[in-house]
Amino acid sequence: SIQVNAICLDDYINQNKIVPNVIKVDVEGAEKLVLEGASSVLHDFNAVWIISTHSSELFDECKDIMKCYGYSVETLEGFHHELICKKY
């Protein structure tokens, strides 16, 4: 096994004073964990999110989370579990 340092997205963005425009998530099944660690980003910013989900269940759960934060959710044409999320 390999030990890897990790930081939640909210903390990383706050520490580095970043204002994201686009966030791509492809984390092999940990999509909900990313969204849980990004509640401030989801609430405070209008970044476009591209989320690659790795199951139908995660697809539905992530779609519901994004809609709760006011995002419109579409699927990327030609990709089975890819979400495009925008807040207007």
PDB file of N, CA and C in Angstrom:
ATOM      1  N   SER A   1       0.830  -1.180   0.000  1.00  0.00           N
ATOM      2  CA  SER A   1       0.000   0.000   0.000  1.00  0.00           C
ATOM      3  C   SER A   1       0.878   1.248   0.000  1.00  0.00           C
ATOM      4  N   ILE A   2       0.290   2.339  -0.435  1.00  0.00           N
ATOM      5  CA  ILE A   2       0.990   3.624  -0.500  1.00  0.00           C
ATOM      6  C   ILE A   2       0.186   4.633   0.296  1.00  0.00           C
ATOM      7  N   GLN A   3       0.862   5.364   1.170  1.00  0.00           N
ATOM      8  CA  GLN A   3       0.199   6.417   1.933  1.00  0.00           C
ATOM      9  C   GLN A   3       0.215   7.703   1.115  1.00  0.00           C
ATOM     10  N   VAL A   4      -0.944   8.337   1.016  1.00  0.00           N
ATOM     11  CA  VAL A   4      -1.091   9.557   0.228  1.00  0.00           C
ATOM     12  C   VAL A   4      -1.735  10.633   1.094  1.00  0.00           C
ATOM     13  N   ASN A   5      -1.178  11.821   1.071  1.00  0.00           N
ATOM     14  CA  ASN A   5      -1.795  12.931   1.785  1.00  0.00           C
ATOM     15  C   ASN A   5      -3.066  13.354   1.059  1.00  0.00           C
ATOM     16  N   ALA A   6      -4.061  13.761   1.828  1.00  0.00           N
ATOM     17  CA  ALA A   6      -5.327  14.202   1.240  1.00  0.00           C
ATOM     18  C   ALA A   6      -5.812  15.441   1.972  1.00  0.00           C
ATOM     19  N   ILE A   7      -6.615  16.226   1.270  1.00  0.00           N
ATOM     20  CA  ILE A   7      -7.220  17.423   1.846  1.00  0.00           C
ATOM     21  C   ILE A   7      -8.589  17.587   1.185  1.00  0.00           C
ATOM     22  N   CYS A   8      -9.566  18.038   1.958  1.00  0.00           N
ATOM     23  CA  CYS A   8     -10.878  18.235   1.351  1.00  0.00           C
ATOM     24  C   CYS A   8     -10.824  19.478   0.459  1.00  0.00           C
ATOM     25  N   LEU A   9     -11.689  19.498  -0.519  1.00  0.00           N
ATOM     26  CA  LEU A   9     -11.691  20.572  -1.512  1.00  0.00           C
ATOM     27  C   LEU A   9     -11.942  21.936  -0.881  1.00  0.00           C
ATOM     28  N   ASP A  10     -12.857  22.008   0.086  1.00  0.00           N
ATOM     29  CA  ASP A  10     -13.117  23.281   0.775  1.00  0.00           C
ATOM     30  C   ASP A  10     -11.843  23.841   1.394  1.00  0.00           C
ATOM     31  N   ASP A  11     -11.093  23.010   2.108  1.00  0.00           N
ATOM     32  CA  ASP A  11      -9.863  23.470   2.759  1.00  0.00           C
ATOM     33  C   ASP A  11      -8.808  23.877   1.741  1.00  0.00           C
ATOM     34  N   TYR A  12      -8.644  23.091   0.684  1.00  0.00           N
ATOM     35  CA  TYR A  12      -7.642  23.403  -0.332  1.00  0.00           C
ATOM     36  C   TYR A  12      -7.931  24.751  -0.997  1.00  0.00           C
ATOM     37  N   ILE A  13      -9.180  24.974  -1.348  1.00  0.00           N
ATOM     38  CA  ILE A  13      -9.560  26.227  -2.008  1.00  0.00           C
ATOM     39  C   ILE A  13      -9.388  27.411  -1.067  1.00  0.00           C
ATOM     40  N   ASN A  14      -9.760  27.245   0.199  1.00  0.00           N
ATOM     41  CA  ASN A  14      -9.580  28.328   1.176  1.00  0.00           C
ATOM     42  C   ASN A  14      -8.106  28.626   1.424  1.00  0.00           C
ATOM     43  N   GLN A  15      -7.296  27.609   1.590  1.00  0.00           N
ATOM     44  CA  GLN A  15      -5.868  27.803   1.864  1.00  0.00           C
ATOM     45  C   GLN A  15      -5.131  28.455   0.700  1.00  0.00           C
ATOM     46  N   ASN A  16      -5.545  28.139  -0.522  1.00  0.00           N
ATOM     47  CA  ASN A  16      -4.839  28.626  -1.705  1.00  0.00           C
ATOM     48  C   ASN A  16      -5.531  29.797  -2.390  1.00  0.00           C
ATOM     49  N   LYS A  17      -6.634  30.279  -1.797  1.00  0.00           N
ATOM     50  CA  LYS A  17      -7.357  31.447  -2.325  1.00  0.00           C
ATOM     51  C   LYS A  17      -7.705  31.276  -3.804  1.00  0.00           C
ATOM     52  N   ILE A  18      -8.274  30.130  -4.135  1.00  0.00           N
ATOM     53  CA  ILE A  18      -8.639  29.796  -5.504  1.00  0.00           C
ATOM     54  C   ILE A  18     -10.139  30.025  -5.699  1.00  0.00           C
ATOM     55  N   VAL A  19     -10.508  30.553  -6.852  1.00  0.00           N
ATOM     56  CA  VAL A  19     -11.915  30.659  -7.241  1.00  0.00           C
ATOM     57  C   VAL A  19     -12.076  29.777  -8.485  1.00  0.00           C
ATOM     58  N   PRO A  20     -12.594  28.557  -8.308  1.00  0.00           N
ATOM     59  CA  PRO A  20     -12.656  27.629  -9.445  1.00  0.00           C
ATOM     60  C   PRO A  20     -13.756  27.984 -10.435  1.00  0.00           C
ATOM     61  N   ASN A  21     -13.469  27.761 -11.723  1.00  0.00           N
ATOM     62  CA  ASN A  21     -14.466  27.910 -12.785  1.00  0.00           C
ATOM     63  C   ASN A  21     -15.036  26.557 -13.178  1.00  0.00           C
ATOM     64  N   VAL A  22     -14.166  25.551 -13.213  1.00  0.00           N
ATOM     65  CA  VAL A  22     -14.532  24.191 -13.603  1.00  0.00           C
ATOM     66  C   VAL A  22     -13.863  23.227 -12.624  1.00  0.00           C
ATOM     67  N   ILE A  23     -14.627  22.215 -12.207  1.00  0.00           N
ATOM     68  CA  ILE A  23     -14.075  21.180 -11.335  1.00  0.00           C
ATOM     69  C   ILE A  23     -14.406  19.836 -11.968  1.00  0.00           C
ATOM     70  N   LYS A  24     -13.377  19.035 -12.244  1.00  0.00           N
ATOM     71  CA  LYS A  24     -13.540  17.695 -12.819  1.00  0.00           C
ATOM     72  C   LYS A  24     -13.297  16.678 -11.719  1.00  0.00           C
ATOM     73  N   VAL A  25     -14.245  15.779 -11.548  1.00  0.00           N
ATOM     74  CA  VAL A  25     -14.150  14.747 -10.513  1.00  0.00           C
ATOM     75  C   VAL A  25     -14.149  13.384 -11.197  1.00  0.00           C
ATOM     76  N   ASP A  26     -13.076  12.643 -11.006  1.00  0.00           N
ATOM     77  CA  ASP A  26     -12.979  11.267 -11.501  1.00  0.00           C
ATOM     78  C   ASP A  26     -12.174  10.498 -10.465  1.00  0.00           C
ATOM     79  N   VAL A  27     -12.877   9.953  -9.484  1.00  0.00           N
ATOM     80  CA  VAL A  27     -12.210   9.406  -8.296  1.00  0.00           C
ATOM     81  C   VAL A  27     -12.582   7.945  -8.010  1.00  0.00           C
ATOM     82  N   GLU A  28     -12.986   7.254  -9.059  1.00  0.00           N
ATOM     83  CA  GLU A  28     -13.184   5.801  -8.993  1.00  0.00           C
ATOM     84  C   GLU A  28     -14.049   5.325  -7.832  1.00  0.00           C
ATOM     85  N   GLY A  29     -15.209   5.954  -7.661  1.00  0.00           N
ATOM     86  CA  GLY A  29     -16.155   5.496  -6.658  1.00  0.00           C
ATOM     87  C   GLY A  29     -16.239   6.339  -5.403  1.00  0.00           C
ATOM     88  N   ALA A  30     -15.380   7.338  -5.259  1.00  0.00           N
ATOM     89  CA  ALA A  30     -15.385   8.197  -4.065  1.00  0.00           C
ATOM     90  C   ALA A  30     -16.059   9.544  -4.348  1.00  0.00           C
ATOM     91  N   GLU A  31     -16.938   9.589  -5.335  1.00  0.00           N
ATOM     92  CA  GLU A  31     -17.566  10.844  -5.752  1.00  0.00           C
ATOM     93  C   GLU A  31     -18.325  11.521  -4.613  1.00  0.00           C
ATOM     94  N   LYS A  32     -19.099  10.755  -3.857  1.00  0.00           N
ATOM     95  CA  LYS A  32     -19.856  11.346  -2.750  1.00  0.00           C
ATOM     96  C   LYS A  32     -18.928  11.945  -1.703  1.00  0.00           C
ATOM     97  N   LEU A  33     -17.791  11.310  -1.445  1.00  0.00           N
ATOM     98  CA  LEU A  33     -16.823  11.852  -0.480  1.00  0.00           C
ATOM     99  C   LEU A  33     -16.289  13.200  -0.943  1.00  0.00           C
ATOM    100  N   VAL A  34     -16.036  13.339  -2.232  1.00  0.00           N
ATOM    101  CA  VAL A  34     -15.565  14.625  -2.766  1.00  0.00           C
ATOM    102  C   VAL A  34     -16.629  15.689  -2.546  1.00  0.00           C
ATOM    103  N   LEU A  35     -17.876  15.371  -2.881  1.00  0.00           N
ATOM    104  CA  LEU A  35     -18.950  16.354  -2.727  1.00  0.00           C
ATOM    105  C   LEU A  35     -19.188  16.700  -1.268  1.00  0.00           C
ATOM    106  N   GLU A  36     -19.048  15.726  -0.385  1.00  0.00           N
ATOM    107  CA  GLU A  36     -19.196  15.988   1.050  1.00  0.00           C
ATOM    108  C   GLU A  36     -18.092  16.915   1.562  1.00  0.00           C
ATOM    109  N   GLY A  37     -16.912  16.853   0.967  1.00  0.00           N
ATOM    110  CA  GLY A  37     -15.798  17.711   1.358  1.00  0.00           C
ATOM    111  C   GLY A  37     -15.765  19.030   0.604  1.00  0.00           C
ATOM    112  N   ALA A  38     -16.831  19.311  -0.129  1.00  0.00           N
ATOM    113  CA  ALA A  38     -16.877  20.528  -0.943  1.00  0.00           C
ATOM    114  C   ALA A  38     -18.164  21.312  -0.718  1.00  0.00           C
ATOM    115  N   SER A  39     -18.744  21.208   0.446  1.00  0.00           N
ATOM    116  CA  SER A  39     -20.032  21.873   0.682  1.00  0.00           C
ATOM    117  C   SER A  39     -19.940  23.389   0.532  1.00  0.00           C
ATOM    118  N   SER A  40     -18.855  23.983   0.996  1.00  0.00           N
ATOM    119  CA  SER A  40     -18.703  25.440   0.841  1.00  0.00           C
ATOM    120  C   SER A  40     -18.528  25.828  -0.620  1.00  0.00           C
ATOM    121  N   VAL A  41     -17.745  25.048  -1.337  1.00  0.00           N
ATOM    122  CA  VAL A  41     -17.537  25.314  -2.768  1.00  0.00           C
ATOM    123  C   VAL A  41     -18.857  25.185  -3.510  1.00  0.00           C
ATOM    124  N   LEU A  42     -19.622  24.153  -3.201  1.00  0.00           N
ATOM    125  CA  LEU A  42     -20.916  23.947  -3.865  1.00  0.00           C
ATOM    126  C   LEU A  42     -21.879  25.085  -3.553  1.00  0.00           C
ATOM    127  N   HIS A  43     -21.825  25.593  -2.352  1.00  0.00           N
ATOM    128  CA  HIS A  43     -22.739  26.665  -1.932  1.00  0.00           C
ATOM    129  C   HIS A  43     -22.290  28.040  -2.427  1.00  0.00           C
ATOM    130  N   ASP A  44     -20.994  28.319  -2.328  1.00  0.00           N
ATOM    131  CA  ASP A  44     -20.487  29.680  -2.526  1.00  0.00           C
ATOM    132  C   ASP A  44     -20.038  30.017  -3.943  1.00  0.00           C
ATOM    133  N   PHE A  45     -19.734  29.028  -4.774  1.00  0.00           N
ATOM    134  CA  PHE A  45     -19.202  29.283  -6.108  1.00  0.00           C
ATOM    135  C   PHE A  45     -20.147  28.750  -7.176  1.00  0.00           C
ATOM    136  N   ASN A  46     -19.976  29.236  -8.386  1.00  0.00           N
ATOM    137  CA  ASN A  46     -20.783  28.797  -9.520  1.00  0.00           C
ATOM    138  C   ASN A  46     -19.955  28.008 -10.525  1.00  0.00           C
ATOM    139  N   ALA A  47     -19.025  27.235 -10.047  1.00  0.00           N
ATOM    140  CA  ALA A  47     -18.181  26.443 -10.941  1.00  0.00           C
ATOM    141  C   ALA A  47     -19.015  25.399 -11.667  1.00  0.00           C
ATOM    142  N   VAL A  48     -18.611  25.095 -12.888  1.00  0.00           N
ATOM    143  CA  VAL A  48     -19.191  23.969 -13.614  1.00  0.00           C
ATOM    144  C   VAL A  48     -18.491  22.710 -13.094  1.00  0.00           C
ATOM    145  N   TRP A  49     -19.266  21.702 -12.772  1.00  0.00           N
ATOM    146  CA  TRP A  49     -18.731  20.424 -12.289  1.00  0.00           C
ATOM    147  C   TRP A  49     -18.931  19.372 -13.373  1.00  0.00           C
ATOM    148  N   ILE A  50     -17.894  18.607 -13.635  1.00  0.00           N
ATOM    149  CA  ILE A  50     -17.966  17.438 -14.506  1.00  0.00           C
ATOM    150  C   ILE A  50     -17.631  16.253 -13.611  1.00  0.00           C
ATOM    151  N   ILE A  51     -18.608  15.413 -13.379  1.00  0.00           N
ATOM    152  CA  ILE A  51     -18.446  14.322 -12.413  1.00  0.00           C
ATOM    153  C   ILE A  51     -18.599  12.993 -13.127  1.00  0.00           C
ATOM    154  N   SER A  52     -17.541  12.204 -13.108  1.00  0.00           N
ATOM    155  CA  SER A  52     -17.577  10.867 -13.657  1.00  0.00           C
ATOM    156  C   SER A  52     -17.936   9.909 -12.535  1.00  0.00           C
ATOM    157  N   THR A  53     -19.142   9.347 -12.591  1.00  0.00           N
ATOM    158  CA  THR A  53     -19.585   8.429 -11.542  1.00  0.00           C
ATOM    159  C   THR A  53     -19.323   6.990 -11.989  1.00  0.00           C
ATOM    160  N   HIS A  54     -19.174   6.112 -11.022  1.00  0.00           N
ATOM    161  CA  HIS A  54     -18.762   4.750 -11.346  1.00  0.00           C
ATOM    162  C   HIS A  54     -19.814   3.706 -11.019  1.00  0.00           C
ATOM    163  N   SER A  55     -21.055   4.134 -10.915  1.00  0.00           N
ATOM    164  CA  SER A  55     -22.175   3.202 -10.790  1.00  0.00           C
ATOM    165  C   SER A  55     -23.464   3.988 -10.987  1.00  0.00           C
ATOM    166  N   SER A  56     -24.519   3.276 -11.276  1.00  0.00           N
ATOM    167  CA  SER A  56     -25.830   3.927 -11.416  1.00  0.00           C
ATOM    168  C   SER A  56     -26.270   4.533 -10.097  1.00  0.00           C
ATOM    169  N   GLU A  57     -25.956   3.851  -9.000  1.00  0.00           N
ATOM    170  CA  GLU A  57     -26.315   4.364  -7.673  1.00  0.00           C
ATOM    171  C   GLU A  57     -25.594   5.670  -7.377  1.00  0.00           C
ATOM    172  N   LEU A  58     -24.288   5.727  -7.627  1.00  0.00           N
ATOM    173  CA  LEU A  58     -23.531   6.963  -7.413  1.00  0.00           C
ATOM    174  C   LEU A  58     -23.999   8.070  -8.350  1.00  0.00           C
ATOM    175  N   PHE A  59     -24.338   7.714  -9.565  1.00  0.00           N
ATOM    176  CA  PHE A  59     -24.869   8.683 -10.524  1.00  0.00           C
ATOM    177  C   PHE A  59     -26.093   9.369  -9.928  1.00  0.00           C
ATOM    178  N   ASP A  60     -27.048   8.577  -9.433  1.00  0.00           N
ATOM    179  CA  ASP A  60     -28.275   9.133  -8.864  1.00  0.00           C
ATOM    180  C   ASP A  60     -28.002   9.931  -7.588  1.00  0.00           C
ATOM    181  N   GLU A  61     -27.123   9.434  -6.725  1.00  0.00           N
ATOM    182  CA  GLU A  61     -26.817  10.128  -5.474  1.00  0.00           C
ATOM    183  C   GLU A  61     -26.126  11.465  -5.738  1.00  0.00           C
ATOM    184  N   CYS A  62     -25.162  11.481  -6.641  1.00  0.00           N
ATOM    185  CA  CYS A  62     -24.453  12.723  -6.965  1.00  0.00           C
ATOM    186  C   CYS A  62     -25.397  13.720  -7.638  1.00  0.00           C
ATOM    187  N   LYS A  63     -26.250  13.227  -8.511  1.00  0.00           N
ATOM    188  CA  LYS A  63     -27.227  14.096  -9.179  1.00  0.00           C
ATOM    189  C   LYS A  63     -28.122  14.755  -8.129  1.00  0.00           C
ATOM    190  N   ASP A  64     -28.587  13.992  -7.154  1.00  0.00           N
ATOM    191  CA  ASP A  64     -29.447  14.540  -6.100  1.00  0.00           C
ATOM    192  C   ASP A  64     -28.710  15.570  -5.249  1.00  0.00           C
ATOM    193  N   ILE A  65     -27.454  15.298  -4.913  1.00  0.00           N
ATOM    194  CA  ILE A  65     -26.653  16.247  -4.121  1.00  0.00           C
ATOM    195  C   ILE A  65     -26.506  17.561  -4.878  1.00  0.00           C
ATOM    196  N   MET A  66     -26.155  17.475  -6.155  1.00  0.00           N
ATOM    197  CA  MET A  66     -25.947  18.690  -6.935  1.00  0.00           C
ATOM    198  C   MET A  66     -27.235  19.490  -7.065  1.00  0.00           C
ATOM    199  N   LYS A  67     -28.348  18.822  -7.257  1.00  0.00           N
ATOM    200  CA  LYS A  67     -29.629  19.520  -7.357  1.00  0.00           C
ATOM    201  C   LYS A  67     -29.973  20.209  -6.044  1.00  0.00           C
ATOM    202  N   CYS A  68     -29.622  19.611  -4.915  1.00  0.00           N
ATOM    203  CA  CYS A  68     -29.869  20.239  -3.608  1.00  0.00           C
ATOM    204  C   CYS A  68     -29.095  21.543  -3.454  1.00  0.00           C
ATOM    205  N   TYR A  69     -27.962  21.668  -4.136  1.00  0.00           N
ATOM    206  CA  TYR A  69     -27.171  22.892  -4.089  1.00  0.00           C
ATOM    207  C   TYR A  69     -27.552  23.869  -5.203  1.00  0.00           C
ATOM    208  N   GLY A  70     -28.622  23.587  -5.924  1.00  0.00           N
ATOM    209  CA  GLY A  70     -29.110  24.516  -6.937  1.00  0.00           C
ATOM    210  C   GLY A  70     -28.515  24.355  -8.316  1.00  0.00           C
ATOM    211  N   TYR A  71     -27.867  23.240  -8.576  1.00  0.00           N
ATOM    212  CA  TYR A  71     -27.270  22.996  -9.887  1.00  0.00           C
ATOM    213  C   TYR A  71     -28.268  22.332 -10.822  1.00  0.00           C
ATOM    214  N   SER A  72     -28.224  22.707 -12.089  1.00  0.00           N
ATOM    215  CA  SER A  72     -28.926  21.933 -13.102  1.00  0.00           C
ATOM    216  C   SER A  72     -27.980  20.807 -13.503  1.00  0.00           C
ATOM    217  N   VAL A  73     -28.540  19.657 -13.786  1.00  0.00           N
ATOM    218  CA  VAL A  73     -27.713  18.485 -14.052  1.00  0.00           C
ATOM    219  C   VAL A  73     -28.097  17.881 -15.400  1.00  0.00           C
ATOM    220  N   GLU A  74     -27.081  17.659 -16.230  1.00  0.00           N
ATOM    221  CA  GLU A  74     -27.257  17.004 -17.523  1.00  0.00           C
ATOM    222  C   GLU A  74     -26.275  15.846 -17.598  1.00  0.00           C
ATOM    223  N   THR A  75     -26.505  14.958 -18.533  1.00  0.00           N
ATOM    224  CA  THR A  75     -25.531  13.900 -18.778  1.00  0.00           C
ATOM    225  C   THR A  75     -24.716  14.259 -20.003  1.00  0.00           C
ATOM    226  N   LEU A  76     -23.484  13.839 -20.026  1.00  0.00           N
ATOM    227  CA  LEU A  76     -22.609  14.080 -21.162  1.00  0.00           C
ATOM    228  C   LEU A  76     -22.957  13.061 -22.240  1.00  0.00           C
ATOM    229  N   GLU A  77     -23.367  13.534 -23.381  1.00  0.00           N
ATOM    230  CA  GLU A  77     -23.814  12.653 -24.456  1.00  0.00           C
ATOM    231  C   GLU A  77     -22.727  11.652 -24.831  1.00  0.00           C
ATOM    232  N   GLY A  78     -23.114  10.396 -24.896  1.00  0.00           N
ATOM    233  CA  GLY A  78     -22.168   9.345 -25.272  1.00  0.00           C
ATOM    234  C   GLY A  78     -21.446   8.716 -24.092  1.00  0.00           C
ATOM    235  N   PHE A  79     -21.642   9.254 -22.896  1.00  0.00           N
ATOM    236  CA  PHE A  79     -21.008   8.725 -21.696  1.00  0.00           C
ATOM    237  C   PHE A  79     -22.102   8.342 -20.704  1.00  0.00           C
ATOM    238  N   HIS A  80     -22.067   7.123 -20.232  1.00  0.00           N
ATOM    239  CA  HIS A  80     -23.155   6.561 -19.439  1.00  0.00           C
ATOM    240  C   HIS A  80     -23.324   7.199 -18.061  1.00  0.00           C
ATOM    241  N   HIS A  81     -22.236   7.492 -17.378  1.00  0.00           N
ATOM    242  CA  HIS A  81     -22.328   7.961 -15.992  1.00  0.00           C
ATOM    243  C   HIS A  81     -21.634   9.306 -15.774  1.00  0.00           C
ATOM    244  N   GLU A  82     -21.616  10.158 -16.765  1.00  0.00           N
ATOM    245  CA  GLU A  82     -20.928  11.448 -16.673  1.00  0.00           C
ATOM    246  C   GLU A  82     -21.949  12.564 -16.463  1.00  0.00           C
ATOM    247  N   LEU A  83     -21.790  13.341 -15.395  1.00  0.00           N
ATOM    248  CA  LEU A  83     -22.686  14.451 -15.079  1.00  0.00           C
ATOM    249  C   LEU A  83     -22.034  15.780 -15.417  1.00  0.00           C
ATOM    250  N   ILE A  84     -22.797  16.678 -15.998  1.00  0.00           N
ATOM    251  CA  ILE A  84     -22.378  18.060 -16.208  1.00  0.00           C
ATOM    252  C   ILE A  84     -23.324  18.898 -15.344  1.00  0.00           C
ATOM    253  N   CYS A  85     -22.760  19.625 -14.387  1.00  0.00           N
ATOM    254  CA  CYS A  85     -23.577  20.361 -13.423  1.00  0.00           C
ATOM    255  C   CYS A  85     -23.237  21.849 -13.485  1.00  0.00           C
ATOM    256  N   LYS A  86     -24.276  22.674 -13.654  1.00  0.00           N
ATOM    257  CA  LYS A  86     -24.101  24.123 -13.758  1.00  0.00           C
ATOM    258  C   LYS A  86     -25.090  24.812 -12.831  1.00  0.00           C
ATOM    259  N   LYS A  87     -24.637  25.897 -12.241  1.00  0.00           N
ATOM    260  CA  LYS A  87     -25.513  26.721 -11.405  1.00  0.00           C
ATOM    261  C   LYS A  87     -25.687  28.054 -12.098  1.00  0.00           C
ATOM    262  N   TYR A  88     -26.910  28.510 -12.179  1.00  0.00           N
ATOM    263  CA  TYR A  88     -27.192  29.784 -12.846  1.00  0.00           C
ATOM    264  C   TYR A  88     -27.619  30.837 -11.872  1.00  0.00           C
TER     265      TYR A  88
END
